[in-house]
Amino acid sequence: MVPVDFRPVAVTTAAVYRVVSARSSVFVKVLRRPDLPAELADVVGDFPWRDEAEFLLSDFALPPGFRRPRVVRVDDLGDRIALWLEDVRCADVEWDPPRFRRAALGLGRWAGRRFGGAPGRALRVLYEGRLVRDAFLRPDCSRLADRTPDLLARLEALPQAIGHNDACPQNLLVPADDPESFVVIDVTWQCPSPVGTDLAQLLVGLAQAGRMAVDDLPPIREQIIDAYLEGLRLEHRSVSREEVVLGCDGTLALRSAFHSESELAEYLVELGMAC
């Protein structure tokens, strides 16, 4: 068993390993029930730490071009779950506009297949649980912080859908044996979220990692919004472009503006203030 050069940031991830044999390797991810501070536990309630495991074992039919990693074995230890998964060999390819569009199209179809429901807790936990409480003190984000309660209410009034909920490019692996497709990993918070939510992390993920320039984001944003809308239409869902824009930009502002680097934060604040 070899430790993976990866520093988990999710409170539900205990460890990740790669188990290597003479002929193959398996990726092992250990999920855990998080030990939250009392004041946060009161807000969060029963944290959905098992959602990733349940998604991997579900019979939900992902849209064309998307698949789960193959599940080799699951060890359920009560307050921990070890997921033994296919060790996906990734293609060394660029996230160019066509790849972003393919991802957004699939995410739109995903939302269309799990469309509807009352707003879930994910964004409200982020706000009410003050998971970004220190960042609310940043002077460059103060005007957005003041607007956050209203923005949250507007997001909850949108059509809702259950999607990936952390669909950054890093969680949409490009397999070497089929580089036009995606293997979806790290699926979280399987509850309804505002339509367009998955576009937020898709757009900002590489920029947050320092692998994409902020100046490159606006044209990609336009393209993925259009592709996501097409995905919804393919699943016979009628949602306006304005609603998807609000879901994307509002989620970006609430989820990412307060802890991004200054240049990216400025862009995200402007998107949030324009909602």
C-alpha atoms as a PDB file:
ATOM      1  CA  MET A   1       0.000   0.000   0.000  1.00  0.00           C
ATOM      2  CA  VAL A   2       1.517   3.305  -1.143  1.00  0.00           C
ATOM      3  CA  PRO A   3       0.359   6.718   0.187  1.00  0.00           C
ATOM      4  CA  VAL A   4      -0.858   9.032  -2.571  1.00  0.00           C
ATOM      5  CA  ASP A   5       0.746  12.469  -2.895  1.00  0.00           C
ATOM      6  CA  PHE A   6      -2.519  14.191  -2.078  1.00  0.00           C
ATOM      7  CA  ARG A   7      -3.592  16.344   0.818  1.00  0.00           C
ATOM      8  CA  PRO A   8      -7.292  15.794   1.539  1.00  0.00           C
ATOM      9  CA  VAL A   9      -9.219  18.999   2.182  1.00  0.00           C
ATOM     10  CA  ALA A  10     -12.702  17.526   2.584  1.00  0.00           C
ATOM     11  CA  VAL A  11     -13.610  16.853   6.206  1.00  0.00           C
ATOM     12  CA  THR A  12     -15.026  13.498   5.124  1.00  0.00           C
ATOM     13  CA  THR A  13     -11.758  12.194   3.602  1.00  0.00           C
ATOM     14  CA  ALA A  14      -9.576  10.328   6.105  1.00  0.00           C
ATOM     15  CA  ALA A  15      -6.900   9.046   3.724  1.00  0.00           C
ATOM     16  CA  VAL A  16      -6.127   7.946   0.176  1.00  0.00           C
ATOM     17  CA  TYR A  17      -3.803   5.135  -0.886  1.00  0.00           C
ATOM     18  CA  ARG A  18      -2.725   3.236  -3.970  1.00  0.00           C
ATOM     19  CA  VAL A  19      -2.481  -0.537  -3.557  1.00  0.00           C
ATOM     20  CA  VAL A  20       0.007  -1.874  -6.085  1.00  0.00           C
ATOM     21  CA  SER A  21       0.511  -5.488  -7.135  1.00  0.00           C
ATOM     22  CA  ALA A  22       2.670  -7.037  -9.838  1.00  0.00           C
ATOM     23  CA  ARG A  23      -0.050  -6.669 -12.456  1.00  0.00           C
ATOM     24  CA  SER A  24      -2.330  -3.863 -11.377  1.00  0.00           C
ATOM     25  CA  SER A  25      -3.123  -1.132  -8.888  1.00  0.00           C
ATOM     26  CA  VAL A  26      -6.228  -0.047  -7.002  1.00  0.00           C
ATOM     27  CA  PHE A  27      -7.071   3.368  -5.578  1.00  0.00           C
ATOM     28  CA  VAL A  28      -8.349   3.306  -1.998  1.00  0.00           C
ATOM     29  CA  LYS A  29     -10.246   6.235  -0.499  1.00  0.00           C
ATOM     30  CA  VAL A  30     -11.246   6.167   3.156  1.00  0.00           C
ATOM     31  CA  LEU A  31     -14.327   8.196   4.088  1.00  0.00           C
ATOM     32  CA  ARG A  32     -15.062   9.100   7.712  1.00  0.00           C
ATOM     33  CA  ARG A  33     -17.817  10.599   9.783  1.00  0.00           C
ATOM     34  CA  PRO A  34     -16.440  14.110  10.488  1.00  0.00           C
ATOM     35  CA  ASP A  35     -15.926  15.251  14.063  1.00  0.00           C
ATOM     36  CA  LEU A  36     -17.396  18.749  13.829  1.00  0.00           C
ATOM     37  CA  PRO A  37     -17.243  21.465  16.510  1.00  0.00           C
ATOM     38  CA  ALA A  38     -20.440  21.617  18.553  1.00  0.00           C
ATOM     39  CA  GLU A  39     -21.541  24.989  17.158  1.00  0.00           C
ATOM     40  CA  LEU A  40     -21.128  23.745  13.594  1.00  0.00           C
ATOM     41  CA  ALA A  41     -22.719  20.373  14.287  1.00  0.00           C
ATOM     42  CA  ASP A  42     -25.865  22.169  15.470  1.00  0.00           C
ATOM     43  CA  VAL A  43     -26.178  23.795  12.046  1.00  0.00           C
ATOM     44  CA  VAL A  44     -25.031  20.921   9.853  1.00  0.00           C
ATOM     45  CA  GLY A  45     -26.908  18.146  11.630  1.00  0.00           C
ATOM     46  CA  ASP A  46     -26.256  14.714  10.183  1.00  0.00           C
ATOM     47  CA  PHE A  47     -23.390  15.421   7.782  1.00  0.00           C
ATOM     48  CA  PRO A  48     -23.850  13.483   4.497  1.00  0.00           C
ATOM     49  CA  TRP A  49     -20.453  11.817   4.649  1.00  0.00           C
ATOM     50  CA  ARG A  50     -21.702   8.557   3.088  1.00  0.00           C
ATOM     51  CA  ASP A  51     -23.044  10.234  -0.080  1.00  0.00           C
ATOM     52  CA  GLU A  52     -20.021   9.390  -2.226  1.00  0.00           C
ATOM     53  CA  ALA A  53     -20.188   5.697  -1.366  1.00  0.00           C
ATOM     54  CA  GLU A  54     -23.939   5.566  -1.948  1.00  0.00           C
ATOM     55  CA  PHE A  55     -23.550   7.288  -5.317  1.00  0.00           C
ATOM     56  CA  LEU A  56     -20.862   4.867  -6.454  1.00  0.00           C
ATOM     57  CA  LEU A  57     -23.094   1.914  -5.564  1.00  0.00           C
ATOM     58  CA  SER A  58     -26.313   3.403  -6.949  1.00  0.00           C
ATOM     59  CA  ASP A  59     -28.051   2.442 -10.185  1.00  0.00           C
ATOM     60  CA  PHE A  60     -28.388   6.042 -11.405  1.00  0.00           C
ATOM     61  CA  ALA A  61     -27.675   6.101 -15.144  1.00  0.00           C
ATOM     62  CA  LEU A  62     -25.083   8.767 -15.863  1.00  0.00           C
ATOM     63  CA  PRO A  63     -25.392  10.636 -19.169  1.00  0.00           C
ATOM     64  CA  PRO A  64     -23.397   9.593 -22.247  1.00  0.00           C
ATOM     65  CA  GLY A  65     -19.686  10.288 -21.910  1.00  0.00           C
ATOM     66  CA  PHE A  66     -19.691  10.006 -18.109  1.00  0.00           C
ATOM     67  CA  ARG A  67     -18.991   6.953 -15.977  1.00  0.00           C
ATOM     68  CA  ARG A  68     -18.076   6.032 -12.421  1.00  0.00           C
ATOM     69  CA  PRO A  69     -14.753   4.417 -11.536  1.00  0.00           C
ATOM     70  CA  ARG A  70     -15.173   0.656 -11.213  1.00  0.00           C
ATOM     71  CA  VAL A  71     -15.833  -0.357  -7.605  1.00  0.00           C
ATOM     72  CA  VAL A  72     -13.599  -3.270  -6.603  1.00  0.00           C
ATOM     73  CA  ARG A  73     -14.601  -3.574  -2.956  1.00  0.00           C
ATOM     74  CA  VAL A  74     -16.239  -1.633  -0.125  1.00  0.00           C
ATOM     75  CA  ASP A  75     -15.346  -2.038   3.544  1.00  0.00           C
ATOM     76  CA  ASP A  76     -18.062  -0.438   5.694  1.00  0.00           C
ATOM     77  CA  LEU A  77     -16.708  -0.051   9.230  1.00  0.00           C
ATOM     78  CA  GLY A  78     -19.554   2.025  10.637  1.00  0.00           C
ATOM     79  CA  ASP A  79     -17.947   5.418  11.115  1.00  0.00           C
ATOM     80  CA  ARG A  80     -15.519   4.816   8.229  1.00  0.00           C
ATOM     81  CA  ILE A  81     -15.850   3.399   4.729  1.00  0.00           C
ATOM     82  CA  ALA A  82     -12.931   2.213   2.591  1.00  0.00           C
ATOM     83  CA  LEU A  83     -13.698   2.449  -1.120  1.00  0.00           C
ATOM     84  CA  TRP A  84     -11.479   0.247  -3.289  1.00  0.00           C
ATOM     85  CA  LEU A  85     -11.749   1.758  -6.762  1.00  0.00           C
ATOM     86  CA  GLU A  86     -10.372   1.449 -10.244  1.00  0.00           C
ATOM     87  CA  ASP A  87      -7.072   3.308 -10.475  1.00  0.00           C
ATOM     88  CA  VAL A  88      -7.932   5.377 -13.537  1.00  0.00           C
ATOM     89  CA  ARG A  89      -5.026   5.935 -15.914  1.00  0.00           C
ATOM     90  CA  CYS A  90      -5.480   9.516 -17.087  1.00  0.00           C
ATOM     91  CA  ALA A  91      -4.689  10.990 -20.476  1.00  0.00           C
ATOM     92  CA  ASP A  92      -2.217  13.854 -20.633  1.00  0.00           C
ATOM     93  CA  VAL A  93      -4.547  16.275 -22.378  1.00  0.00           C
ATOM     94  CA  GLU A  94      -5.443  19.948 -22.176  1.00  0.00           C
ATOM     95  CA  TRP A  95      -8.731  21.276 -20.853  1.00  0.00           C
ATOM     96  CA  ASP A  96      -9.523  23.200 -24.019  1.00  0.00           C
ATOM     97  CA  PRO A  97     -12.907  24.776 -24.913  1.00  0.00           C
ATOM     98  CA  PRO A  98     -14.298  21.617 -26.564  1.00  0.00           C
ATOM     99  CA  ARG A  99     -13.523  19.581 -23.423  1.00  0.00           C
ATOM    100  CA  PHE A 100     -15.181  22.178 -21.201  1.00  0.00           C
ATOM    101  CA  ARG A 101     -18.238  22.119 -23.468  1.00  0.00           C
ATOM    102  CA  ARG A 102     -18.463  18.314 -23.396  1.00  0.00           C
ATOM    103  CA  ALA A 103     -18.250  18.353 -19.617  1.00  0.00           C
ATOM    104  CA  ALA A 104     -20.924  21.046 -19.316  1.00  0.00           C
ATOM    105  CA  LEU A 105     -23.231  19.227 -21.736  1.00  0.00           C
ATOM    106  CA  GLY A 106     -22.971  16.075 -19.623  1.00  0.00           C
ATOM    107  CA  LEU A 107     -23.512  17.994 -16.393  1.00  0.00           C
ATOM    108  CA  GLY A 108     -26.625  19.563 -17.875  1.00  0.00           C
ATOM    109  CA  ARG A 109     -27.962  16.132 -18.813  1.00  0.00           C
ATOM    110  CA  TRP A 110     -27.067  14.864 -15.322  1.00  0.00           C
ATOM    111  CA  ALA A 111     -29.111  17.669 -13.764  1.00  0.00           C
ATOM    112  CA  GLY A 112     -31.934  16.992 -16.194  1.00  0.00           C
ATOM    113  CA  ARG A 113     -32.081  13.351 -15.123  1.00  0.00           C
ATOM    114  CA  ARG A 114     -32.322  14.248 -11.429  1.00  0.00           C
ATOM    115  CA  PHE A 115     -34.404  17.368 -11.766  1.00  0.00           C
ATOM    116  CA  GLY A 116     -36.666  18.856  -9.100  1.00  0.00           C
ATOM    117  CA  GLY A 117     -37.049  18.782  -5.349  1.00  0.00           C
ATOM    118  CA  ALA A 118     -36.866  21.256  -2.499  1.00  0.00           C
ATOM    119  CA  PRO A 119     -33.557  23.107  -1.996  1.00  0.00           C
ATOM    120  CA  GLY A 120     -30.938  21.017  -0.242  1.00  0.00           C
ATOM    121  CA  ARG A 121     -28.714  22.126   2.604  1.00  0.00           C
ATOM    122  CA  ALA A 122     -25.338  22.458   0.910  1.00  0.00           C
ATOM    123  CA  LEU A 123     -25.178  26.214   0.278  1.00  0.00           C
ATOM    124  CA  ARG A 124     -27.075  27.124   3.438  1.00  0.00           C
ATOM    125  CA  VAL A 125     -24.683  25.033   5.547  1.00  0.00           C
ATOM    126  CA  LEU A 126     -21.798  26.886   3.920  1.00  0.00           C
ATOM    127  CA  TYR A 127     -23.368  30.187   4.939  1.00  0.00           C
ATOM    128  CA  GLU A 128     -25.109  29.467   8.232  1.00  0.00           C
ATOM    129  CA  GLY A 129     -22.342  27.157   9.409  1.00  0.00           C
ATOM    130  CA  ARG A 130     -19.909  29.964   8.643  1.00  0.00           C
ATOM    131  CA  LEU A 131     -17.502  27.578   6.970  1.00  0.00           C
ATOM    132  CA  VAL A 132     -16.038  30.696   5.349  1.00  0.00           C
ATOM    133  CA  ARG A 133     -16.468  32.916   8.399  1.00  0.00           C
ATOM    134  CA  ASP A 134     -12.879  34.159   8.448  1.00  0.00           C
ATOM    135  CA  ALA A 135     -13.046  35.044   4.763  1.00  0.00           C
ATOM    136  CA  PHE A 136     -16.115  37.207   5.344  1.00  0.00           C
ATOM    137  CA  LEU A 137     -13.746  39.654   7.007  1.00  0.00           C
ATOM    138  CA  ARG A 138     -11.745  40.197   3.826  1.00  0.00           C
ATOM    139  CA  PRO A 139     -12.193  43.849   2.804  1.00  0.00           C
ATOM    140  CA  ASP A 140     -12.294  43.053  -0.921  1.00  0.00           C
ATOM    141  CA  CYS A 141     -15.317  40.780  -0.377  1.00  0.00           C
ATOM    142  CA  SER A 142     -17.250  42.800   2.186  1.00  0.00           C
ATOM    143  CA  ARG A 143     -19.890  44.108  -0.243  1.00  0.00           C
ATOM    144  CA  LEU A 144     -20.596  40.577  -1.436  1.00  0.00           C
ATOM    145  CA  ALA A 145     -20.795  39.345   2.162  1.00  0.00           C
ATOM    146  CA  ASP A 146     -23.472  41.963   2.861  1.00  0.00           C
ATOM    147  CA  ARG A 147     -25.491  40.698  -0.099  1.00  0.00           C
ATOM    148  CA  THR A 148     -25.095  37.000   0.680  1.00  0.00           C
ATOM    149  CA  PRO A 149     -28.431  36.422   2.522  1.00  0.00           C
ATOM    150  CA  ASP A 150     -30.413  37.844  -0.409  1.00  0.00           C
ATOM    151  CA  LEU A 151     -28.330  35.930  -2.937  1.00  0.00           C
ATOM    152  CA  LEU A 152     -28.828  32.691  -1.038  1.00  0.00           C
ATOM    153  CA  ALA A 153     -32.603  33.216  -1.019  1.00  0.00           C
ATOM    154  CA  ARG A 154     -32.604  33.837  -4.769  1.00  0.00           C
ATOM    155  CA  LEU A 155     -30.617  30.664  -5.383  1.00  0.00           C
ATOM    156  CA  GLU A 156     -33.047  28.631  -3.311  1.00  0.00           C
ATOM    157  CA  ALA A 157     -35.928  30.009  -5.408  1.00  0.00           C
ATOM    158  CA  LEU A 158     -34.406  28.591  -8.611  1.00  0.00           C
ATOM    159  CA  PRO A 159     -35.301  25.198 -10.095  1.00  0.00           C
ATOM    160  CA  GLN A 160     -33.261  22.563  -8.273  1.00  0.00           C
ATOM    161  CA  ALA A 161     -31.462  19.416  -9.412  1.00  0.00           C
ATOM    162  CA  ILE A 162     -29.092  16.825  -7.958  1.00  0.00           C
ATOM    163  CA  GLY A 163     -25.773  16.871  -9.776  1.00  0.00           C
ATOM    164  CA  HIS A 164     -22.130  16.191  -8.973  1.00  0.00           C
ATOM    165  CA  ASN A 165     -21.813  19.193  -6.614  1.00  0.00           C
ATOM    166  CA  ASP A 166     -18.023  19.434  -6.939  1.00  0.00           C
ATOM    167  CA  ALA A 167     -17.559  19.107 -10.685  1.00  0.00           C
ATOM    168  CA  CYS A 168     -14.175  20.784 -11.049  1.00  0.00           C
ATOM    169  CA  PRO A 169     -11.965  19.435 -13.858  1.00  0.00           C
ATOM    170  CA  GLN A 170      -9.853  17.691 -11.223  1.00  0.00           C
ATOM    171  CA  ASN A 171     -12.899  15.545 -10.391  1.00  0.00           C
ATOM    172  CA  LEU A 172     -13.732  14.793 -14.032  1.00  0.00           C
ATOM    173  CA  LEU A 173     -10.879  12.466 -14.941  1.00  0.00           C
ATOM    174  CA  VAL A 174     -10.029  12.025 -18.622  1.00  0.00           C
ATOM    175  CA  PRO A 175      -9.236   8.314 -19.107  1.00  0.00           C
ATOM    176  CA  ALA A 176      -6.376   7.432 -21.417  1.00  0.00           C
ATOM    177  CA  ASP A 177      -8.402   4.703 -23.131  1.00  0.00           C
ATOM    178  CA  ASP A 178     -11.268   7.076 -24.009  1.00  0.00           C
ATOM    179  CA  PRO A 179     -10.086  10.705 -23.814  1.00  0.00           C
ATOM    180  CA  GLU A 180     -13.383  12.092 -25.127  1.00  0.00           C
ATOM    181  CA  SER A 181     -15.137  10.882 -21.971  1.00  0.00           C
ATOM    182  CA  PHE A 182     -14.947  11.522 -18.195  1.00  0.00           C
ATOM    183  CA  VAL A 183     -14.686   9.380 -15.087  1.00  0.00           C
ATOM    184  CA  VAL A 184     -16.476  11.204 -12.281  1.00  0.00           C
ATOM    185  CA  ILE A 185     -14.924  11.095  -8.806  1.00  0.00           C
ATOM    186  CA  ASP A 186     -15.428  12.830  -5.428  1.00  0.00           C
ATOM    187  CA  VAL A 187     -19.190  13.191  -5.871  1.00  0.00           C
ATOM    188  CA  THR A 188     -20.542  15.039  -2.828  1.00  0.00           C
ATOM    189  CA  TRP A 189     -23.732  16.374  -1.205  1.00  0.00           C
ATOM    190  CA  GLN A 190     -26.318  14.383  -3.125  1.00  0.00           C
ATOM    191  CA  CYS A 191     -29.170  16.780  -2.469  1.00  0.00           C
ATOM    192  CA  PRO A 192     -30.958  19.275  -4.751  1.00  0.00           C
ATOM    193  CA  SER A 193     -28.948  22.387  -5.592  1.00  0.00           C
ATOM    194  CA  PRO A 194     -29.735  25.374  -7.834  1.00  0.00           C
ATOM    195  CA  VAL A 195     -29.744  24.565 -11.511  1.00  0.00           C
ATOM    196  CA  GLY A 196     -26.357  25.611 -12.929  1.00  0.00           C
ATOM    197  CA  THR A 197     -24.483  24.897  -9.696  1.00  0.00           C
ATOM    198  CA  ASP A 198     -22.130  22.355 -11.267  1.00  0.00           C
ATOM    199  CA  LEU A 199     -20.865  24.965 -13.735  1.00  0.00           C
ATOM    200  CA  ALA A 200     -19.335  26.937 -10.867  1.00  0.00           C
ATOM    201  CA  GLN A 201     -16.622  24.441  -9.945  1.00  0.00           C
ATOM    202  CA  LEU A 202     -16.192  23.391 -13.572  1.00  0.00           C
ATOM    203  CA  LEU A 203     -15.277  26.981 -14.435  1.00  0.00           C
ATOM    204  CA  VAL A 204     -13.148  27.907 -11.441  1.00  0.00           C
ATOM    205  CA  GLY A 205     -11.382  24.662 -10.491  1.00  0.00           C
ATOM    206  CA  LEU A 206      -8.247  25.046 -12.609  1.00  0.00           C
ATOM    207  CA  ALA A 207      -7.940  28.765 -11.880  1.00  0.00           C
ATOM    208  CA  GLN A 208      -8.047  28.095  -8.136  1.00  0.00           C
ATOM    209  CA  ALA A 209      -5.237  25.596  -8.628  1.00  0.00           C
ATOM    210  CA  GLY A 210      -3.176  28.162 -10.545  1.00  0.00           C
ATOM    211  CA  ARG A 211      -3.479  26.201 -13.798  1.00  0.00           C
ATOM    212  CA  MET A 212      -5.684  28.640 -15.708  1.00  0.00           C
ATOM    213  CA  ALA A 213      -5.546  32.414 -16.087  1.00  0.00           C
ATOM    214  CA  VAL A 214      -8.442  34.469 -14.763  1.00  0.00           C
ATOM    215  CA  ASP A 215      -8.589  36.327 -18.093  1.00  0.00           C
ATOM    216  CA  ASP A 216      -9.422  33.014 -19.814  1.00  0.00           C
ATOM    217  CA  LEU A 217     -12.534  32.404 -17.689  1.00  0.00           C
ATOM    218  CA  PRO A 218     -15.154  34.752 -19.267  1.00  0.00           C
ATOM    219  CA  PRO A 219     -15.279  33.090 -22.736  1.00  0.00           C
ATOM    220  CA  ILE A 220     -15.278  29.610 -21.182  1.00  0.00           C
ATOM    221  CA  ARG A 221     -18.128  30.680 -18.892  1.00  0.00           C
ATOM    222  CA  GLU A 222     -20.295  31.655 -21.864  1.00  0.00           C
ATOM    223  CA  GLN A 223     -19.636  28.381 -23.654  1.00  0.00           C
ATOM    224  CA  ILE A 224     -20.329  26.098 -20.703  1.00  0.00           C
ATOM    225  CA  ILE A 225     -23.587  27.897 -19.884  1.00  0.00           C
ATOM    226  CA  ASP A 226     -24.820  27.276 -23.441  1.00  0.00           C
ATOM    227  CA  ALA A 227     -23.670  23.642 -23.379  1.00  0.00           C
ATOM    228  CA  TYR A 228     -25.322  23.008 -20.001  1.00  0.00           C
ATOM    229  CA  LEU A 229     -28.593  24.436 -21.324  1.00  0.00           C
ATOM    230  CA  GLU A 230     -28.374  22.093 -24.303  1.00  0.00           C
ATOM    231  CA  GLY A 231     -27.886  19.179 -21.918  1.00  0.00           C
ATOM    232  CA  LEU A 232     -31.014  20.155 -20.013  1.00  0.00           C
ATOM    233  CA  ARG A 233     -32.965  20.412 -23.263  1.00  0.00           C
ATOM    234  CA  LEU A 234     -31.824  16.936 -24.299  1.00  0.00           C
ATOM    235  CA  GLU A 235     -33.434  15.688 -21.096  1.00  0.00           C
ATOM    236  CA  HIS A 236     -36.610  17.678 -21.908  1.00  0.00           C
ATOM    237  CA  ARG A 237     -36.140  20.260 -19.137  1.00  0.00           C
ATOM    238  CA  SER A 238     -37.257  23.826 -19.747  1.00  0.00           C
ATOM    239  CA  VAL A 239     -34.973  26.214 -17.871  1.00  0.00           C
ATOM    240  CA  SER A 240     -34.071  29.758 -18.924  1.00  0.00           C
ATOM    241  CA  ARG A 241     -30.540  30.933 -19.574  1.00  0.00           C
ATOM    242  CA  GLU A 242     -31.027  33.588 -16.895  1.00  0.00           C
ATOM    243  CA  GLU A 243     -31.772  30.892 -14.315  1.00  0.00           C
ATOM    244  CA  VAL A 244     -28.663  28.902 -15.210  1.00  0.00           C
ATOM    245  CA  VAL A 245     -26.536  32.073 -15.123  1.00  0.00           C
ATOM    246  CA  LEU A 246     -27.833  32.904 -11.643  1.00  0.00           C
ATOM    247  CA  GLY A 247     -27.194  29.354 -10.431  1.00  0.00           C
ATOM    248  CA  CYS A 248     -23.664  29.357 -11.810  1.00  0.00           C
ATOM    249  CA  ASP A 249     -22.604  32.871 -10.812  1.00  0.00           C
ATOM    250  CA  GLY A 250     -24.386  32.909  -7.457  1.00  0.00           C
ATOM    251  CA  THR A 251     -22.845  29.602  -6.461  1.00  0.00           C
ATOM    252  CA  LEU A 252     -19.427  30.806  -7.612  1.00  0.00           C
ATOM    253  CA  ALA A 253     -19.743  33.895  -5.449  1.00  0.00           C
ATOM    254  CA  LEU A 254     -20.939  32.099  -2.325  1.00  0.00           C
ATOM    255  CA  ARG A 255     -18.667  29.105  -2.615  1.00  0.00           C
ATOM    256  CA  SER A 256     -15.420  30.419  -4.059  1.00  0.00           C
ATOM    257  CA  ALA A 257     -15.052  34.206  -3.865  1.00  0.00           C
ATOM    258  CA  PHE A 258     -14.215  34.382  -0.175  1.00  0.00           C
ATOM    259  CA  HIS A 259     -11.211  32.070  -0.245  1.00  0.00           C
ATOM    260  CA  SER A 260      -9.725  32.612  -3.714  1.00  0.00           C
ATOM    261  CA  GLU A 261      -6.635  34.631  -4.529  1.00  0.00           C
ATOM    262  CA  SER A 262      -7.241  38.357  -5.020  1.00  0.00           C
ATOM    263  CA  GLU A 263      -7.455  38.485  -8.835  1.00  0.00           C
ATOM    264  CA  LEU A 264      -9.840  35.544  -9.000  1.00  0.00           C
ATOM    265  CA  ALA A 265     -11.822  36.799  -5.994  1.00  0.00           C
ATOM    266  CA  GLU A 266     -12.330  40.158  -7.708  1.00  0.00           C
ATOM    267  CA  TYR A 267     -13.769  38.443 -10.787  1.00  0.00           C
ATOM    268  CA  LEU A 268     -16.073  36.246  -8.701  1.00  0.00           C
ATOM    269  CA  VAL A 269     -17.267  39.158  -6.569  1.00  0.00           C
ATOM    270  CA  GLU A 270     -18.236  41.054  -9.720  1.00  0.00           C
ATOM    271  CA  LEU A 271     -20.194  38.031 -10.958  1.00  0.00           C
ATOM    272  CA  GLY A 272     -21.959  37.763  -7.623  1.00  0.00           C
ATOM    273  CA  MET A 273     -22.810  41.441  -7.451  1.00  0.00           C
ATOM    274  CA  ALA A 274     -24.255  41.303 -10.969  1.00  0.00           C
ATOM    275  CA  CYS A 275     -26.701  38.528 -10.047  1.00  0.00           C
END
